Amino acid sequence: ISAGDSAPAVELKNIDGTSHSLATTVRQRPVLLAFFALDCLTCEMSFLFWDRIQETYGGSDFELWGVSLDSPDEARDFYERSGVEFPVLLDEGRSVAQQYGATATPALYLVGSDGVVLASHEGFDRPAVNAMIETIAAQTGREAIEIAAAEAPDLRPGCVIHFG
């Protein structure tokens, strides 16, 4: 799935079992789906930036969903110990990642209010994340924040997703 494609209308549960419908949510605000695996060091580096994006733009204008490819217990433990602000949703069986065509983590998909993917990429790409932030800022009417070169490398490959 890439920019211009319709986002698959998926429903995911958070670590407490509450369902989140992408089709319903994007009618109200854009959503950034951030697929991750806890054993991925690139994901670990990305959490801080995702949290900053959620803290800056999250609310009635935008949501960032961290989509864990790990077990519910591992995802719950991560959420409780990390203190991240973004919700952690579960992709048990990795079926949603497959629907999106994700091959590596982290995998980011920014879905606009019309259900169309505005931007996507895998791994960590600082310029691409900054471009996504600019799009989010424009969608929310807020000023764009930036991940500075001193904070992160321009590029860092992600980890291959293994589908079983």
C-alpha atoms as a PDB file:
ATOM      1  CA  ILE A   1       0.000   0.000   0.000  1.00  0.00           C
ATOM      2  CA  SER A   2       1.420   3.381  -0.948  1.00  0.00           C
ATOM      3  CA  ALA A   3       0.318   6.992  -1.278  1.00  0.00           C
ATOM      4  CA  GLY A   4      -2.891   7.297  -3.272  1.00  0.00           C
ATOM      5  CA  ASP A   5      -4.142   3.785  -2.449  1.00  0.00           C
ATOM      6  CA  SER A   6      -7.274   3.170  -0.413  1.00  0.00           C
ATOM      7  CA  ALA A   7      -6.373   1.984   3.069  1.00  0.00           C
ATOM      8  CA  PRO A   8      -7.799  -1.398   4.015  1.00  0.00           C
ATOM      9  CA  ALA A   9     -10.665  -0.803   6.456  1.00  0.00           C
ATOM     10  CA  VAL A  10      -9.358  -2.736   9.429  1.00  0.00           C
ATOM     11  CA  GLU A  11     -10.453  -3.133  13.004  1.00  0.00           C
ATOM     12  CA  LEU A  12      -7.887  -3.658  15.741  1.00  0.00           C
ATOM     13  CA  LYS A  13      -8.173  -4.159  19.481  1.00  0.00           C
ATOM     14  CA  ASN A  14      -6.034  -2.304  21.965  1.00  0.00           C
ATOM     15  CA  ILE A  15      -4.276  -4.032  24.832  1.00  0.00           C
ATOM     16  CA  ASP A  16      -7.430  -3.703  26.963  1.00  0.00           C
ATOM     17  CA  GLY A  17      -9.656  -5.303  24.309  1.00  0.00           C
ATOM     18  CA  THR A  18     -11.371  -2.134  23.042  1.00  0.00           C
ATOM     19  CA  SER A  19     -11.939  -2.181  19.275  1.00  0.00           C
ATOM     20  CA  HIS A  20     -10.668   0.601  17.029  1.00  0.00           C
ATOM     21  CA  SER A  21     -12.148   0.877  13.536  1.00  0.00           C
ATOM     22  CA  LEU A  22      -9.960   2.637  10.998  1.00  0.00           C
ATOM     23  CA  ALA A  23     -12.922   3.355   8.694  1.00  0.00           C
ATOM     24  CA  THR A  24     -14.816   5.065  11.523  1.00  0.00           C
ATOM     25  CA  THR A  25     -11.844   6.973  12.920  1.00  0.00           C
ATOM     26  CA  VAL A  26     -10.559   8.378   9.622  1.00  0.00           C
ATOM     27  CA  ARG A  27     -13.971   9.938   8.956  1.00  0.00           C
ATOM     28  CA  GLN A  28     -13.194  12.139  11.978  1.00  0.00           C
ATOM     29  CA  ARG A  29      -9.405  12.603  11.764  1.00  0.00           C
ATOM     30  CA  PRO A  30      -6.285  11.278  10.013  1.00  0.00           C
ATOM     31  CA  VAL A  31      -4.553   8.243  11.515  1.00  0.00           C
ATOM     32  CA  LEU A  32      -0.898   7.251  11.387  1.00  0.00           C
ATOM     33  CA  LEU A  33      -0.587   3.459  11.623  1.00  0.00           C
ATOM     34  CA  ALA A  34       2.856   2.614  12.997  1.00  0.00           C
ATOM     35  CA  PHE A  35       3.521  -1.126  12.814  1.00  0.00           C
ATOM     36  CA  PHE A  36       6.283  -2.308  15.135  1.00  0.00           C
ATOM     37  CA  ALA A  37       7.929  -5.331  16.703  1.00  0.00           C
ATOM     38  CA  LEU A  38       9.554  -5.152  20.113  1.00  0.00           C
ATOM     39  CA  ASP A  39      12.682  -6.996  18.986  1.00  0.00           C
ATOM     40  CA  CYS A  40      13.333  -4.385  16.260  1.00  0.00           C
ATOM     41  CA  LEU A  41      16.011  -1.875  17.288  1.00  0.00           C
ATOM     42  CA  THR A  42      14.856   0.593  14.624  1.00  0.00           C
ATOM     43  CA  CYS A  43      11.358   0.477  16.133  1.00  0.00           C
ATOM     44  CA  GLU A  44      12.836   1.069  19.569  1.00  0.00           C
ATOM     45  CA  MET A  45      14.563   4.190  18.246  1.00  0.00           C
ATOM     46  CA  SER A  46      11.298   5.337  16.617  1.00  0.00           C
ATOM     47  CA  PHE A  47       9.085   5.168  19.737  1.00  0.00           C
ATOM     48  CA  LEU A  48      10.393   8.469  21.072  1.00  0.00           C
ATOM     49  CA  PHE A  49       9.529  10.255  17.817  1.00  0.00           C
ATOM     50  CA  TRP A  50       6.103   8.612  17.530  1.00  0.00           C
ATOM     51  CA  ASP A  51       5.367   9.689  21.076  1.00  0.00           C
ATOM     52  CA  ARG A  52       6.383  13.264  20.229  1.00  0.00           C
ATOM     53  CA  ILE A  53       4.068  13.201  17.183  1.00  0.00           C
ATOM     54  CA  GLN A  54       1.184  11.900  19.314  1.00  0.00           C
ATOM     55  CA  GLU A  55       1.812  14.461  22.066  1.00  0.00           C
ATOM     56  CA  THR A  56       1.960  17.316  19.536  1.00  0.00           C
ATOM     57  CA  TYR A  57      -0.950  16.424  17.254  1.00  0.00           C
ATOM     58  CA  GLY A  58      -2.985  13.709  18.996  1.00  0.00           C
ATOM     59  CA  GLY A  59      -6.573  14.326  20.011  1.00  0.00           C
ATOM     60  CA  SER A  60      -9.654  15.296  18.080  1.00  0.00           C
ATOM     61  CA  ASP A  61      -7.612  16.229  14.952  1.00  0.00           C
ATOM     62  CA  PHE A  62      -5.241  13.252  14.640  1.00  0.00           C
ATOM     63  CA  GLU A  63      -4.366   9.822  16.072  1.00  0.00           C
ATOM     64  CA  LEU A  64      -1.232   7.721  15.979  1.00  0.00           C
ATOM     65  CA  TRP A  65      -1.848   4.015  16.459  1.00  0.00           C
ATOM     66  CA  GLY A  66       1.126   1.885  17.446  1.00  0.00           C
ATOM     67  CA  VAL A  67       0.304  -1.527  15.956  1.00  0.00           C
ATOM     68  CA  SER A  68       2.207  -4.280  17.737  1.00  0.00           C
ATOM     69  CA  LEU A  69       3.141  -7.470  15.934  1.00  0.00           C
ATOM     70  CA  ASP A  70       3.977  -9.048  19.294  1.00  0.00           C
ATOM     71  CA  SER A  71       1.867 -11.133  21.649  1.00  0.00           C
ATOM     72  CA  PRO A  72      -0.798  -9.324  23.677  1.00  0.00           C
ATOM     73  CA  ASP A  73       1.170  -9.903  26.895  1.00  0.00           C
ATOM     74  CA  GLU A  74       4.384  -8.496  25.412  1.00  0.00           C
ATOM     75  CA  ALA A  75       2.535  -5.489  23.970  1.00  0.00           C
ATOM     76  CA  ARG A  76       0.775  -4.815  27.285  1.00  0.00           C
ATOM     77  CA  ASP A  77       4.068  -5.041  29.181  1.00  0.00           C
ATOM     78  CA  PHE A  78       5.724  -2.652  26.711  1.00  0.00           C
ATOM     79  CA  TYR A  79       2.892  -0.126  27.020  1.00  0.00           C
ATOM     80  CA  GLU A  80       2.868  -0.224  30.824  1.00  0.00           C
ATOM     81  CA  ARG A  81       6.629   0.078  31.252  1.00  0.00           C
ATOM     82  CA  SER A  82       7.410   2.499  28.396  1.00  0.00           C
ATOM     83  CA  GLY A  83       4.992   5.294  29.270  1.00  0.00           C
ATOM     84  CA  VAL A  84       4.270   6.047  25.595  1.00  0.00           C
ATOM     85  CA  GLU A  85       1.288   8.301  24.887  1.00  0.00           C
ATOM     86  CA  PHE A  86       0.100   6.588  21.728  1.00  0.00           C
ATOM     87  CA  PRO A  87      -2.339   3.691  21.990  1.00  0.00           C
ATOM     88  CA  VAL A  88      -0.928   0.216  21.385  1.00  0.00           C
ATOM     89  CA  LEU A  89      -3.139  -1.960  19.209  1.00  0.00           C
ATOM     90  CA  LEU A  90      -2.679  -5.651  18.484  1.00  0.00           C
ATOM     91  CA  ASP A  91      -2.154  -7.281  15.105  1.00  0.00           C
ATOM     92  CA  GLU A  92      -2.367 -10.859  16.282  1.00  0.00           C
ATOM     93  CA  GLY A  93      -1.391 -13.162  13.446  1.00  0.00           C
ATOM     94  CA  ARG A  94       0.011 -10.150  11.562  1.00  0.00           C
ATOM     95  CA  SER A  95      -2.967 -10.203   9.183  1.00  0.00           C
ATOM     96  CA  VAL A  96      -3.317  -6.403   9.107  1.00  0.00           C
ATOM     97  CA  ALA A  97       0.379  -5.974   8.302  1.00  0.00           C
ATOM     98  CA  GLN A  98      -0.161  -8.435   5.448  1.00  0.00           C
ATOM     99  CA  GLN A  99      -3.177  -6.467   4.177  1.00  0.00           C
ATOM    100  CA  TYR A 100      -1.008  -3.358   4.051  1.00  0.00           C
ATOM    101  CA  GLY A 101       1.828  -5.215   2.339  1.00  0.00           C
ATOM    102  CA  ALA A 102       4.291  -4.380   5.105  1.00  0.00           C
ATOM    103  CA  THR A 103       7.541  -6.285   4.763  1.00  0.00           C
ATOM    104  CA  ALA A 104       9.609  -4.609   7.500  1.00  0.00           C
ATOM    105  CA  THR A 105       9.151  -2.801  10.785  1.00  0.00           C
ATOM    106  CA  PRO A 106       8.684  -0.061  11.479  1.00  0.00           C
ATOM    107  CA  ALA A 107       6.102   0.446   8.742  1.00  0.00           C
ATOM    108  CA  LEU A 108       4.194   3.732   8.688  1.00  0.00           C
ATOM    109  CA  TYR A 109       0.950   4.484   6.838  1.00  0.00           C
ATOM    110  CA  LEU A 110      -0.649   7.919   7.127  1.00  0.00           C
ATOM    111  CA  VAL A 111      -4.343   7.610   6.257  1.00  0.00           C
ATOM    112  CA  GLY A 112      -6.345  10.739   5.480  1.00  0.00           C
ATOM    113  CA  SER A 113      -9.951  11.472   6.361  1.00  0.00           C
ATOM    114  CA  ASP A 114     -11.088  10.130   2.971  1.00  0.00           C
ATOM    115  CA  GLY A 115      -9.538   6.714   3.721  1.00  0.00           C
ATOM    116  CA  VAL A 116      -6.719   7.224   1.215  1.00  0.00           C
ATOM    117  CA  VAL A 117      -3.092   6.651   2.185  1.00  0.00           C
ATOM    118  CA  LEU A 118      -1.307  10.015   2.146  1.00  0.00           C
ATOM    119  CA  ALA A 119       2.198   8.624   2.731  1.00  0.00           C
ATOM    120  CA  SER A 120       3.940   5.392   3.678  1.00  0.00           C
ATOM    121  CA  HIS A 121       7.416   4.004   4.280  1.00  0.00           C
ATOM    122  CA  GLU A 122       9.282   1.215   6.050  1.00  0.00           C
ATOM    123  CA  GLY A 123      12.338   1.389   8.253  1.00  0.00           C
ATOM    124  CA  PHE A 124      13.383   4.757   9.652  1.00  0.00           C
ATOM    125  CA  ASP A 125      13.678   7.543   7.101  1.00  0.00           C
ATOM    126  CA  ARG A 126      14.061  10.883   8.903  1.00  0.00           C
ATOM    127  CA  PRO A 127      13.257  13.050   5.853  1.00  0.00           C
ATOM    128  CA  ALA A 128      10.171  10.913   5.098  1.00  0.00           C
ATOM    129  CA  VAL A 129       8.987  11.117   8.722  1.00  0.00           C
ATOM    130  CA  ASN A 130       9.487  14.890   8.663  1.00  0.00           C
ATOM    131  CA  ALA A 131       7.445  15.055   5.434  1.00  0.00           C
ATOM    132  CA  MET A 132       4.688  13.030   7.145  1.00  0.00           C
ATOM    133  CA  ILE A 133       4.815  15.426  10.092  1.00  0.00           C
ATOM    134  CA  GLU A 134       4.377  18.343   7.695  1.00  0.00           C
ATOM    135  CA  THR A 135       1.322  16.621   6.206  1.00  0.00           C
ATOM    136  CA  ILE A 136      -0.086  15.962   9.691  1.00  0.00           C
ATOM    137  CA  ALA A 137       0.538  19.592  10.637  1.00  0.00           C
ATOM    138  CA  ALA A 138      -1.286  20.783   7.513  1.00  0.00           C
ATOM    139  CA  GLN A 139      -4.194  18.392   8.214  1.00  0.00           C
ATOM    140  CA  THR A 140      -4.508  19.615  11.808  1.00  0.00           C
ATOM    141  CA  GLY A 141      -3.782  23.291  11.201  1.00  0.00           C
ATOM    142  CA  ARG A 142      -0.838  23.221  13.589  1.00  0.00           C
ATOM    143  CA  GLU A 143       2.811  24.108  13.192  1.00  0.00           C
ATOM    144  CA  ALA A 144       5.115  21.343  11.995  1.00  0.00           C
ATOM    145  CA  ILE A 145       7.687  19.935  14.371  1.00  0.00           C
ATOM    146  CA  GLU A 146      10.888  18.415  13.025  1.00  0.00           C
ATOM    147  CA  ILE A 147      13.151  15.536  13.903  1.00  0.00           C
ATOM    148  CA  ALA A 148      16.574  17.171  13.714  1.00  0.00           C
ATOM    149  CA  ALA A 149      19.626  15.558  12.144  1.00  0.00           C
ATOM    150  CA  ALA A 150      21.319  15.598  15.563  1.00  0.00           C
ATOM    151  CA  GLU A 151      18.495  13.452  16.988  1.00  0.00           C
ATOM    152  CA  ALA A 152      18.470  10.597  14.498  1.00  0.00           C
ATOM    153  CA  PRO A 153      20.188   9.282  11.387  1.00  0.00           C
ATOM    154  CA  ASP A 154      18.694  10.064   7.999  1.00  0.00           C
ATOM    155  CA  LEU A 155      18.126   6.390   7.275  1.00  0.00           C
ATOM    156  CA  ARG A 156      18.128   3.208   9.286  1.00  0.00           C
ATOM    157  CA  PRO A 157      16.839  -0.067   7.867  1.00  0.00           C
ATOM    158  CA  GLY A 158      14.097  -1.866   9.703  1.00  0.00           C
ATOM    159  CA  CYS A 159      13.582  -5.506  10.543  1.00  0.00           C
ATOM    160  CA  VAL A 160      12.020  -8.062   8.216  1.00  0.00           C
ATOM    161  CA  ILE A 161       8.510  -9.183   9.168  1.00  0.00           C
ATOM    162  CA  HIS A 162       8.202 -12.966   9.204  1.00  0.00           C
ATOM    163  CA  PHE A 163       4.738 -14.205   8.372  1.00  0.00           C
ATOM    164  CA  GLY A 164       3.973 -17.694   9.549  1.00  0.00           C
END
